[in-house]
């Protein structure tokens, strides 16, 4: 597995910035997504639920939740490999989309 780093910065006038970035392999799983409307525009403040999908007749259980950022983005992690997750997205009490995820 390779490492990855990316960041932006905007220095103030006359500011000196010193940084060091060390990349190490990371075996954790995560879900990074974006919520878009029908016109492909970002949806901010949508409620995103992460659930462990119920198996063998058990109910789904909420693991975490967040609201989308201004650019429609959201992130959950770390996630367990070989687990089945369900993502539910709501905006203004209307369910927008449901996505089932299986990590292997």
PDB file of N, CA and C in Angstrom:
ATOM      1  N   UNK A   1       0.842  -1.165   0.000  1.00  0.00           N
ATOM      2  CA  UNK A   1       0.000   0.000   0.000  1.00  0.00           C
ATOM      3  C   UNK A   1       0.890   1.233   0.000  1.00  0.00           C
ATOM      4  N   UNK A   2       0.543   2.216  -0.788  1.00  0.00           N
ATOM      5  CA  UNK A   2       1.332   3.441  -0.816  1.00  0.00           C
ATOM      6  C   UNK A   2       0.688   4.504   0.049  1.00  0.00           C
ATOM      7  N   UNK A   3       1.468   5.483   0.436  1.00  0.00           N
ATOM      8  CA  UNK A   3       0.963   6.581   1.247  1.00  0.00           C
ATOM      9  C   UNK A   3       0.572   7.748   0.354  1.00  0.00           C
ATOM     10  N   UNK A   4      -0.173   8.672   0.915  1.00  0.00           N
ATOM     11  CA  UNK A   4      -0.635   9.830   0.163  1.00  0.00           C
ATOM     12  C   UNK A   4      -0.802  10.995   1.129  1.00  0.00           C
ATOM     13  N   UNK A   5      -0.409  12.163   0.702  1.00  0.00           N
ATOM     14  CA  UNK A   5      -0.622  13.364   1.513  1.00  0.00           C
ATOM     15  C   UNK A   5      -0.924  14.518   0.580  1.00  0.00           C
ATOM     16  N   UNK A   6      -1.811  15.398   1.020  1.00  0.00           N
ATOM     17  CA  UNK A   6      -2.143  16.581   0.253  1.00  0.00           C
ATOM     18  C   UNK A   6      -2.644  17.624   1.231  1.00  0.00           C
ATOM     19  N   UNK A   7      -2.188  18.837   1.088  1.00  0.00           N
ATOM     20  CA  UNK A   7      -2.713  19.914   1.912  1.00  0.00           C
ATOM     21  C   UNK A   7      -2.510  21.239   1.189  1.00  0.00           C
ATOM     22  N   UNK A   8      -3.347  22.189   1.540  1.00  0.00           N
ATOM     23  CA  UNK A   8      -3.257  23.542   1.012  1.00  0.00           C
ATOM     24  C   UNK A   8      -2.847  24.457   2.157  1.00  0.00           C
ATOM     25  N   UNK A   9      -2.222  25.560   1.829  1.00  0.00           N
ATOM     26  CA  UNK A   9      -1.948  26.562   2.848  1.00  0.00           C
ATOM     27  C   UNK A   9      -1.912  27.935   2.197  1.00  0.00           C
ATOM     28  N   UNK A  10      -2.221  28.931   2.989  1.00  0.00           N
ATOM     29  CA  UNK A  10      -2.186  30.318   2.535  1.00  0.00           C
ATOM     30  C   UNK A  10      -1.425  31.108   3.589  1.00  0.00           C
ATOM     31  N   UNK A  11      -0.143  31.369   3.351  1.00  0.00           N
ATOM     32  CA  UNK A  11       0.634  32.083   4.366  1.00  0.00           C
ATOM     33  C   UNK A  11       0.224  33.552   4.459  1.00  0.00           C
ATOM     34  N   UNK A  12       0.281  34.075   5.679  1.00  0.00           N
ATOM     35  CA  UNK A  12       0.061  35.501   5.881  1.00  0.00           C
ATOM     36  C   UNK A  12       1.313  36.229   5.405  1.00  0.00           C
ATOM     37  N   UNK A  13       1.170  37.480   5.103  1.00  0.00           N
ATOM     38  CA  UNK A  13       2.316  38.254   4.633  1.00  0.00           C
ATOM     39  C   UNK A  13       3.416  38.209   5.688  1.00  0.00           C
ATOM     40  N   UNK A  14       4.619  37.847   5.268  1.00  0.00           N
ATOM     41  CA  UNK A  14       5.772  37.782   6.157  1.00  0.00           C
ATOM     42  C   UNK A  14       5.841  36.537   7.028  1.00  0.00           C
ATOM     43  N   UNK A  15       4.865  35.652   6.924  1.00  0.00           N
ATOM     44  CA  UNK A  15       4.846  34.444   7.761  1.00  0.00           C
ATOM     45  C   UNK A  15       5.807  33.404   7.211  1.00  0.00           C
ATOM     46  N   UNK A  16       6.541  32.771   8.094  1.00  0.00           N
ATOM     47  CA  UNK A  16       7.442  31.684   7.732  1.00  0.00           C
ATOM     48  C   UNK A  16       6.800  30.376   8.168  1.00  0.00           C
ATOM     49  N   UNK A  17       6.687  29.432   7.260  1.00  0.00           N
ATOM     50  CA  UNK A  17       6.051  28.155   7.569  1.00  0.00           C
ATOM     51  C   UNK A  17       7.073  27.052   7.378  1.00  0.00           C
ATOM     52  N   UNK A  18       7.159  26.180   8.353  1.00  0.00           N
ATOM     53  CA  UNK A  18       8.035  25.020   8.255  1.00  0.00           C
ATOM     54  C   UNK A  18       7.177  23.790   8.494  1.00  0.00           C
ATOM     55  N   UNK A  19       7.296  22.807   7.638  1.00  0.00           N
ATOM     56  CA  UNK A  19       6.498  21.592   7.803  1.00  0.00           C
ATOM     57  C   UNK A  19       7.322  20.372   7.404  1.00  0.00           C
ATOM     58  N   UNK A  20       6.946  19.250   7.944  1.00  0.00           N
ATOM     59  CA  UNK A  20       7.525  17.969   7.558  1.00  0.00           C
ATOM     60  C   UNK A  20       6.370  16.993   7.408  1.00  0.00           C
ATOM     61  N   UNK A  21       6.335  16.277   6.309  1.00  0.00           N
ATOM     62  CA  UNK A  21       5.277  15.302   6.062  1.00  0.00           C
ATOM     63  C   UNK A  21       5.932  13.932   5.963  1.00  0.00           C
ATOM     64  N   UNK A  22       5.516  13.042   6.839  1.00  0.00           N
ATOM     65  CA  UNK A  22       6.032  11.673   6.838  1.00  0.00           C
ATOM     66  C   UNK A  22       4.891  10.749   6.445  1.00  0.00           C
ATOM     67  N   UNK A  23       5.078  10.015   5.384  1.00  0.00           N
ATOM     68  CA  UNK A  23       4.052   9.111   4.890  1.00  0.00           C
ATOM     69  C   UNK A  23       4.401   7.679   5.293  1.00  0.00           C
ATOM     70  N   UNK A  24       3.437   7.032   5.922  1.00  0.00           N
ATOM     71  CA  UNK A  24       3.588   5.620   6.265  1.00  0.00           C
ATOM     72  C   UNK A  24       2.394   4.864   5.715  1.00  0.00           C
ATOM     73  N   UNK A  25       2.588   3.620   5.408  1.00  0.00           N
ATOM     74  CA  UNK A  25       1.482   2.796   4.928  1.00  0.00           C
ATOM     75  C   UNK A  25       0.384   2.750   5.982  1.00  0.00           C
ATOM     76  N   UNK A  26      -0.835   2.840   5.541  1.00  0.00           N
ATOM     77  CA  UNK A  26      -1.982   2.848   6.450  1.00  0.00           C
ATOM     78  C   UNK A  26      -2.954   1.766   5.999  1.00  0.00           C
ATOM     79  N   UNK A  27      -3.227   0.821   6.862  1.00  0.00           N
ATOM     80  CA  UNK A  27      -4.096  -0.296   6.507  1.00  0.00           C
ATOM     81  C   UNK A  27      -5.541  -0.080   6.933  1.00  0.00           C
ATOM     82  N   UNK A  28      -5.844   1.108   7.465  1.00  0.00           N
ATOM     83  CA  UNK A  28      -7.216   1.372   7.895  1.00  0.00           C
ATOM     84  C   UNK A  28      -8.090   1.670   6.679  1.00  0.00           C
ATOM     85  N   UNK A  29      -9.354   1.292   6.766  1.00  0.00           N
ATOM     86  CA  UNK A  29     -10.314   1.572   5.703  1.00  0.00           C
ATOM     87  C   UNK A  29     -11.136   2.786   6.092  1.00  0.00           C
ATOM     88  N   UNK A  30     -11.566   3.540   5.093  1.00  0.00           N
ATOM     89  CA  UNK A  30     -12.395   4.713   5.345  1.00  0.00           C
ATOM     90  C   UNK A  30     -13.323   4.912   4.154  1.00  0.00           C
ATOM     91  N   UNK A  31     -14.386   5.644   4.390  1.00  0.00           N
ATOM     92  CA  UNK A  31     -15.322   6.011   3.337  1.00  0.00           C
ATOM     93  C   UNK A  31     -15.310   7.530   3.226  1.00  0.00           C
ATOM     94  N   UNK A  32     -14.898   8.039   2.083  1.00  0.00           N
ATOM     95  CA  UNK A  32     -14.911   9.477   1.794  1.00  0.00           C
ATOM     96  C   UNK A  32     -15.879   9.663   0.641  1.00  0.00           C
ATOM     97  N   UNK A  33     -16.883  10.512   0.818  1.00  0.00           N
ATOM     98  CA  UNK A  33     -17.887  10.662  -0.235  1.00  0.00           C
ATOM     99  C   UNK A  33     -18.338  12.097  -0.395  1.00  0.00           C
ATOM    100  N   UNK A  34     -19.179  12.298  -1.380  1.00  0.00           N
ATOM    101  CA  UNK A  34     -19.770  13.601  -1.644  1.00  0.00           C
ATOM    102  C   UNK A  34     -21.221  13.386  -2.038  1.00  0.00           C
ATOM    103  N   UNK A  35     -22.111  14.246  -1.542  1.00  0.00           N
ATOM    104  CA  UNK A  35     -23.533  14.168  -1.863  1.00  0.00           C
ATOM    105  C   UNK A  35     -23.831  15.261  -2.886  1.00  0.00           C
ATOM    106  N   UNK A  36     -24.397  14.847  -4.014  1.00  0.00           N
ATOM    107  CA  UNK A  36     -24.746  15.767  -5.093  1.00  0.00           C
ATOM    108  C   UNK A  36     -26.238  15.690  -5.363  1.00  0.00           C
ATOM    109  N   UNK A  37     -26.820  16.793  -5.807  1.00  0.00           N
ATOM    110  CA  UNK A  37     -28.233  16.780  -6.174  1.00  0.00           C
ATOM    111  C   UNK A  37     -28.375  16.342  -7.631  1.00  0.00           C
ATOM    112  N   UNK A  38     -29.583  16.352  -8.152  1.00  0.00           N
ATOM    113  CA  UNK A  38     -29.836  15.887  -9.520  1.00  0.00           C
ATOM    114  C   UNK A  38     -29.103  16.728 -10.561  1.00  0.00           C
ATOM    115  N   UNK A  39     -28.788  17.981 -10.214  1.00  0.00           N
ATOM    116  CA  UNK A  39     -28.064  18.864 -11.134  1.00  0.00           C
ATOM    117  C   UNK A  39     -26.549  18.771 -10.926  1.00  0.00           C
ATOM    118  N   UNK A  40     -26.103  17.756 -10.165  1.00  0.00           N
ATOM    119  CA  UNK A  40     -24.678  17.534  -9.884  1.00  0.00           C
ATOM    120  C   UNK A  40     -24.057  18.652  -9.044  1.00  0.00           C
ATOM    121  N   UNK A  41     -24.879  19.346  -8.240  1.00  0.00           N
ATOM    122  CA  UNK A  41     -24.371  20.386  -7.348  1.00  0.00           C
ATOM    123  C   UNK A  41     -24.259  19.810  -5.938  1.00  0.00           C
ATOM    124  N   UNK A  42     -23.237  20.219  -5.178  1.00  0.00           N
ATOM    125  CA  UNK A  42     -23.050  19.699  -3.824  1.00  0.00           C
ATOM    126  C   UNK A  42     -24.230  20.027  -2.914  1.00  0.00           C
ATOM    127  N   UNK A  43     -24.552  19.076  -2.031  1.00  0.00           N
ATOM    128  CA  UNK A  43     -25.630  19.256  -1.063  1.00  0.00           C
ATOM    129  C   UNK A  43     -24.978  19.424   0.310  1.00  0.00           C
ATOM    130  N   UNK A  44     -25.111  20.614   0.892  1.00  0.00           N
ATOM    131  CA  UNK A  44     -24.547  20.847   2.220  1.00  0.00           C
ATOM    132  C   UNK A  44     -25.601  20.556   3.287  1.00  0.00           C
ATOM    133  N   UNK A  45     -25.135  20.262   4.475  1.00  0.00           N
ATOM    134  CA  UNK A  45     -25.987  19.995   5.646  1.00  0.00           C
ATOM    135  C   UNK A  45     -26.944  18.828   5.476  1.00  0.00           C
ATOM    136  N   UNK A  46     -26.612  17.868   4.626  1.00  0.00           N
ATOM    137  CA  UNK A  46     -27.386  16.632   4.544  1.00  0.00           C
ATOM    138  C   UNK A  46     -26.912  15.726   5.684  1.00  0.00           C
ATOM    139  N   UNK A  47     -27.818  15.009   6.286  1.00  0.00           N
ATOM    140  CA  UNK A  47     -27.485  14.075   7.361  1.00  0.00           C
ATOM    141  C   UNK A  47     -27.055  12.752   6.743  1.00  0.00           C
ATOM    142  N   UNK A  48     -25.861  12.288   7.116  1.00  0.00           N
ATOM    143  CA  UNK A  48     -25.330  11.024   6.598  1.00  0.00           C
ATOM    144  C   UNK A  48     -25.163  10.076   7.784  1.00  0.00           C
ATOM    145  N   UNK A  49     -25.840   8.934   7.726  1.00  0.00           N
ATOM    146  CA  UNK A  49     -25.757   7.925   8.779  1.00  0.00           C
ATOM    147  C   UNK A  49     -24.922   6.751   8.296  1.00  0.00           C
ATOM    148  N   UNK A  50     -24.036   6.260   9.143  1.00  0.00           N
ATOM    149  CA  UNK A  50     -23.274   5.048   8.873  1.00  0.00           C
ATOM    150  C   UNK A  50     -23.817   3.978   9.798  1.00  0.00           C
ATOM    151  N   UNK A  51     -24.294   2.884   9.220  1.00  0.00           N
ATOM    152  CA  UNK A  51     -24.865   1.787  10.009  1.00  0.00           C
ATOM    153  C   UNK A  51     -24.119   0.497   9.715  1.00  0.00           C
ATOM    154  N   UNK A  52     -24.039  -0.355  10.723  1.00  0.00           N
ATOM    155  CA  UNK A  52     -23.563  -1.722  10.492  1.00  0.00           C
ATOM    156  C   UNK A  52     -24.780  -2.479  10.009  1.00  0.00           C
ATOM    157  N   UNK A  53     -24.694  -3.031   8.824  1.00  0.00           N
ATOM    158  CA  UNK A  53     -25.830  -3.719   8.228  1.00  0.00           C
ATOM    159  C   UNK A  53     -26.154  -4.967   9.041  1.00  0.00           C
ATOM    160  N   UNK A  54     -27.428  -5.118   9.343  1.00  0.00           N
ATOM    161  CA  UNK A  54     -27.872  -6.282  10.102  1.00  0.00           C
ATOM    162  C   UNK A  54     -27.722  -7.545   9.264  1.00  0.00           C
ATOM    163  N   UNK A  55     -27.168  -8.552   9.858  1.00  0.00           N
ATOM    164  CA  UNK A  55     -27.009  -9.839   9.171  1.00  0.00           C
ATOM    165  C   UNK A  55     -27.718 -10.911   9.975  1.00  0.00           C
ATOM    166  N   UNK A  56     -28.137 -11.954   9.320  1.00  0.00           N
ATOM    167  CA  UNK A  56     -28.836 -13.071   9.963  1.00  0.00           C
ATOM    168  C   UNK A  56     -30.083 -12.602  10.701  1.00  0.00           C
ATOM    169  N   UNK A  57     -30.815 -11.683  10.080  1.00  0.00           N
ATOM    170  CA  UNK A  57     -32.078 -11.231  10.652  1.00  0.00           C
ATOM    171  C   UNK A  57     -31.973 -10.139  11.705  1.00  0.00           C
ATOM    172  N   UNK A  58     -30.764  -9.717  12.043  1.00  0.00           N
ATOM    173  CA  UNK A  58     -30.638  -8.665  13.057  1.00  0.00           C
ATOM    174  C   UNK A  58     -30.856  -7.288  12.423  1.00  0.00           C
ATOM    175  N   UNK A  59     -31.197  -6.315  13.255  1.00  0.00           N
ATOM    176  CA  UNK A  59     -31.448  -4.956  12.780  1.00  0.00           C
ATOM    177  C   UNK A  59     -30.147  -4.229  12.482  1.00  0.00           C
ATOM    178  N   UNK A  60     -30.225  -3.236  11.593  1.00  0.00           N
ATOM    179  CA  UNK A  60     -29.093  -2.357  11.344  1.00  0.00           C
ATOM    180  C   UNK A  60     -28.854  -1.523  12.597  1.00  0.00           C
ATOM    181  N   UNK A  61     -27.592  -1.205  12.895  1.00  0.00           N
ATOM    182  CA  UNK A  61     -27.296  -0.379  14.072  1.00  0.00           C
ATOM    183  C   UNK A  61     -26.457   0.823  13.650  1.00  0.00           C
ATOM    184  N   UNK A  62     -26.813   1.990  14.181  1.00  0.00           N
ATOM    185  CA  UNK A  62     -26.101   3.223  13.837  1.00  0.00           C
ATOM    186  C   UNK A  62     -24.742   3.221  14.518  1.00  0.00           C
ATOM    187  N   UNK A  63     -23.698   3.441  13.712  1.00  0.00           N
ATOM    188  CA  UNK A  63     -22.339   3.522  14.233  1.00  0.00           C
ATOM    189  C   UNK A  63     -21.876   4.966  14.362  1.00  0.00           C
ATOM    190  N   UNK A  64     -22.254   5.803  13.399  1.00  0.00           N
ATOM    191  CA  UNK A  64     -21.808   7.192  13.399  1.00  0.00           C
ATOM    192  C   UNK A  64     -22.714   8.005  12.473  1.00  0.00           C
ATOM    193  N   UNK A  65     -22.632   9.328  12.630  1.00  0.00           N
ATOM    194  CA  UNK A  65     -23.370  10.206  11.734  1.00  0.00           C
ATOM    195  C   UNK A  65     -22.606  11.512  11.591  1.00  0.00           C
ATOM    196  N   UNK A  66     -22.885  12.236  10.528  1.00  0.00           N
ATOM    197  CA  UNK A  66     -22.294  13.552  10.315  1.00  0.00           C
ATOM    198  C   UNK A  66     -23.192  14.326   9.360  1.00  0.00           C
ATOM    199  N   UNK A  67     -22.913  15.601   9.224  1.00  0.00           N
ATOM    200  CA  UNK A  67     -23.599  16.442   8.249  1.00  0.00           C
ATOM    201  C   UNK A  67     -22.598  16.809   7.169  1.00  0.00           C
ATOM    202  N   UNK A  68     -23.046  16.851   5.931  1.00  0.00           N
ATOM    203  CA  UNK A  68     -22.133  17.166   4.841  1.00  0.00           C
ATOM    204  C   UNK A  68     -21.640  18.604   4.952  1.00  0.00           C
ATOM    205  N   UNK A  69     -20.424  18.805   4.493  1.00  0.00           N
ATOM    206  CA  UNK A  69     -19.803  20.130   4.480  1.00  0.00           C
ATOM    207  C   UNK A  69     -20.406  20.959   3.344  1.00  0.00           C
ATOM    208  N   UNK A  70     -19.959  22.180   3.225  1.00  0.00           N
ATOM    209  CA  UNK A  70     -20.464  23.073   2.184  1.00  0.00           C
ATOM    210  C   UNK A  70     -20.278  22.487   0.788  1.00  0.00           C
ATOM    211  N   UNK A  71     -19.191  21.731   0.607  1.00  0.00           N
ATOM    212  CA  UNK A  71     -18.917  21.115  -0.699  1.00  0.00           C
ATOM    213  C   UNK A  71     -19.580  19.750  -0.856  1.00  0.00           C
ATOM    214  N   UNK A  72     -20.453  19.376   0.097  1.00  0.00           N
ATOM    215  CA  UNK A  72     -21.179  18.106   0.034  1.00  0.00           C
ATOM    216  C   UNK A  72     -20.396  16.912   0.537  1.00  0.00           C
ATOM    217  N   UNK A  73     -19.184  17.122   1.035  1.00  0.00           N
ATOM    218  CA  UNK A  73     -18.326  16.001   1.423  1.00  0.00           C
ATOM    219  C   UNK A  73     -18.633  15.476   2.822  1.00  0.00           C
ATOM    220  N   UNK A  74     -18.293  14.192   3.013  1.00  0.00           N
ATOM    221  CA  UNK A  74     -18.397  13.535   4.316  1.00  0.00           C
ATOM    222  C   UNK A  74     -17.350  12.446   4.382  1.00  0.00           C
ATOM    223  N   UNK A  75     -17.021  12.001   5.593  1.00  0.00           N
ATOM    224  CA  UNK A  75     -16.029  10.943   5.759  1.00  0.00           C
ATOM    225  C   UNK A  75     -16.345  10.145   7.029  1.00  0.00           C
ATOM    226  N   UNK A  76     -16.124   8.829   6.952  1.00  0.00           N
ATOM    227  CA  UNK A  76     -16.240   7.933   8.091  1.00  0.00           C
ATOM    228  C   UNK A  76     -15.011   7.041   8.132  1.00  0.00           C
ATOM    229  N   UNK A  77     -14.513   6.762   9.297  1.00  0.00           N
ATOM    230  CA  UNK A  77     -13.399   5.841   9.420  1.00  0.00           C
ATOM    231  C   UNK A  77     -12.816   5.928  10.824  1.00  0.00           C
ATOM    232  N   UNK A  78     -11.988   4.985  11.183  1.00  0.00           N
ATOM    233  CA  UNK A  78     -11.647   3.806  10.383  1.00  0.00           C
ATOM    234  C   UNK A  78     -12.782   2.789  10.392  1.00  0.00           C
ATOM    235  N   UNK A  79     -12.852   2.001   9.341  1.00  0.00           N
ATOM    236  CA  UNK A  79     -13.864   0.955   9.192  1.00  0.00           C
ATOM    237  C   UNK A  79     -13.196  -0.405   9.247  1.00  0.00           C
ATOM    238  N   UNK A  80     -13.937  -1.403   9.686  1.00  0.00           N
ATOM    239  CA  UNK A  80     -13.412  -2.765   9.750  1.00  0.00           C
ATOM    240  C   UNK A  80     -13.542  -3.444   8.394  1.00  0.00           C
ATOM    241  N   UNK A  81     -12.486  -4.113   7.966  1.00  0.00           N
ATOM    242  CA  UNK A  81     -12.534  -4.886   6.740  1.00  0.00           C
ATOM    243  C   UNK A  81     -13.472  -6.072   6.890  1.00  0.00           C
ATOM    244  N   UNK A  82     -14.003  -6.551   5.788  1.00  0.00           N
ATOM    245  CA  UNK A  82     -14.896  -7.713   5.768  1.00  0.00           C
ATOM    246  C   UNK A  82     -16.189  -7.478   6.529  1.00  0.00           C
ATOM    247  N   UNK A  83     -16.581  -6.223   6.711  1.00  0.00           N
ATOM    248  CA  UNK A  83     -17.831  -5.889   7.388  1.00  0.00           C
ATOM    249  C   UNK A  83     -18.774  -5.239   6.392  1.00  0.00           C
ATOM    250  N   UNK A  84     -20.057  -5.458   6.580  1.00  0.00           N
ATOM    251  CA  UNK A  84     -21.065  -4.888   5.698  1.00  0.00           C
ATOM    252  C   UNK A  84     -21.645  -3.644   6.352  1.00  0.00           C
ATOM    253  N   UNK A  85     -21.557  -2.516   5.662  1.00  0.00           N
ATOM    254  CA  UNK A  85     -22.053  -1.238   6.165  1.00  0.00           C
ATOM    255  C   UNK A  85     -23.185  -0.748   5.278  1.00  0.00           C
ATOM    256  N   UNK A  86     -23.997   0.108   5.850  1.00  0.00           N
ATOM    257  CA  UNK A  86     -25.083   0.732   5.115  1.00  0.00           C
ATOM    258  C   UNK A  86     -24.991   2.232   5.371  1.00  0.00           C
ATOM    259  N   UNK A  87     -25.099   3.051   4.317  1.00  0.00           N
ATOM    260  CA  UNK A  87     -25.089   4.501   4.443  1.00  0.00           C
ATOM    261  C   UNK A  87     -26.470   5.009   4.050  1.00  0.00           C
ATOM    262  N   UNK A  88     -27.036   5.851   4.905  1.00  0.00           N
ATOM    263  CA  UNK A  88     -28.321   6.486   4.599  1.00  0.00           C
ATOM    264  C   UNK A  88     -28.107   7.988   4.620  1.00  0.00           C
ATOM    265  N   UNK A  89     -28.674   8.666   3.627  1.00  0.00           N
ATOM    266  CA  UNK A  89     -28.502  10.109   3.498  1.00  0.00           C
ATOM    267  C   UNK A  89     -29.865  10.774   3.488  1.00  0.00           C
ATOM    268  N   UNK A  90     -30.019  11.797   4.335  1.00  0.00           N
ATOM    269  CA  UNK A  90     -31.276  12.521   4.458  1.00  0.00           C
ATOM    270  C   UNK A  90     -31.027  14.015   4.285  1.00  0.00           C
ATOM    271  N   UNK A  91     -31.967  14.695   3.658  1.00  0.00           N
ATOM    272  CA  UNK A  91     -31.944  16.154   3.571  1.00  0.00           C
ATOM    273  C   UNK A  91     -33.366  16.636   3.730  1.00  0.00           C
ATOM    274  N   UNK A  92     -33.606  17.502   4.694  1.00  0.00           N
ATOM    275  CA  UNK A  92     -34.939  18.055   4.956  1.00  0.00           C
ATOM    276  C   UNK A  92     -35.971  16.946   5.152  1.00  0.00           C
ATOM    277  N   UNK A  93     -35.626  15.947   5.948  1.00  0.00           N
ATOM    278  CA  UNK A  93     -36.501  14.826   6.281  1.00  0.00           C
ATOM    279  C   UNK A  93     -36.826  13.912   5.107  1.00  0.00           C
ATOM    280  N   UNK A  94     -36.162  14.090   3.982  1.00  0.00           N
ATOM    281  CA  UNK A  94     -36.387  13.231   2.823  1.00  0.00           C
ATOM    282  C   UNK A  94     -35.136  12.384   2.626  1.00  0.00           C
ATOM    283  N   UNK A  95     -35.300  11.066   2.531  1.00  0.00           N
ATOM    284  CA  UNK A  95     -34.156  10.200   2.293  1.00  0.00           C
ATOM    285  C   UNK A  95     -33.721  10.377   0.848  1.00  0.00           C
ATOM    286  N   UNK A  96     -32.459  10.782   0.673  1.00  0.00           N
ATOM    287  CA  UNK A  96     -31.950  11.039  -0.665  1.00  0.00           C
ATOM    288  C   UNK A  96     -31.425   9.778  -1.333  1.00  0.00           C
ATOM    289  N   UNK A  97     -30.645   8.998  -0.576  1.00  0.00           N
ATOM    290  CA  UNK A  97     -30.016   7.838  -1.194  1.00  0.00           C
ATOM    291  C   UNK A  97     -29.571   6.855  -0.130  1.00  0.00           C
ATOM    292  N   UNK A  98     -29.572   5.599  -0.487  1.00  0.00           N
ATOM    293  CA  UNK A  98     -29.100   4.552   0.407  1.00  0.00           C
ATOM    294  C   UNK A  98     -28.030   3.756  -0.323  1.00  0.00           C
ATOM    295  N   UNK A  99     -26.899   3.519   0.334  1.00  0.00           N
ATOM    296  CA  UNK A  99     -25.767   2.858  -0.301  1.00  0.00           C
ATOM    297  C   UNK A  99     -25.255   1.769   0.627  1.00  0.00           C
ATOM    298  N   UNK A 100     -25.150   0.558   0.129  1.00  0.00           N
ATOM    299  CA  UNK A 100     -24.637  -0.553   0.915  1.00  0.00           C
ATOM    300  C   UNK A 100     -23.190  -0.783   0.534  1.00  0.00           C
ATOM    301  N   UNK A 101     -22.309  -0.941   1.538  1.00  0.00           N
ATOM    302  CA  UNK A 101     -20.873  -1.064   1.309  1.00  0.00           C
ATOM    303  C   UNK A 101     -20.372  -2.339   1.958  1.00  0.00           C
ATOM    304  N   UNK A 102     -19.592  -3.128   1.247  1.00  0.00           N
ATOM    305  CA  UNK A 102     -18.956  -4.306   1.827  1.00  0.00           C
ATOM    306  C   UNK A 102     -17.460  -4.184   1.612  1.00  0.00           C
ATOM    307  N   UNK A 103     -16.694  -4.125   2.693  1.00  0.00           N
ATOM    308  CA  UNK A 103     -15.243  -4.019   2.617  1.00  0.00           C
ATOM    309  C   UNK A 103     -14.664  -5.417   2.652  1.00  0.00           C
ATOM    310  N   UNK A 104     -13.688  -5.638   1.832  1.00  0.00           N
ATOM    311  CA  UNK A 104     -13.035  -6.956   1.812  1.00  0.00           C
ATOM    312  C   UNK A 104     -11.553  -6.812   1.924  1.00  0.00           C
TER     313      UNK A 104
END
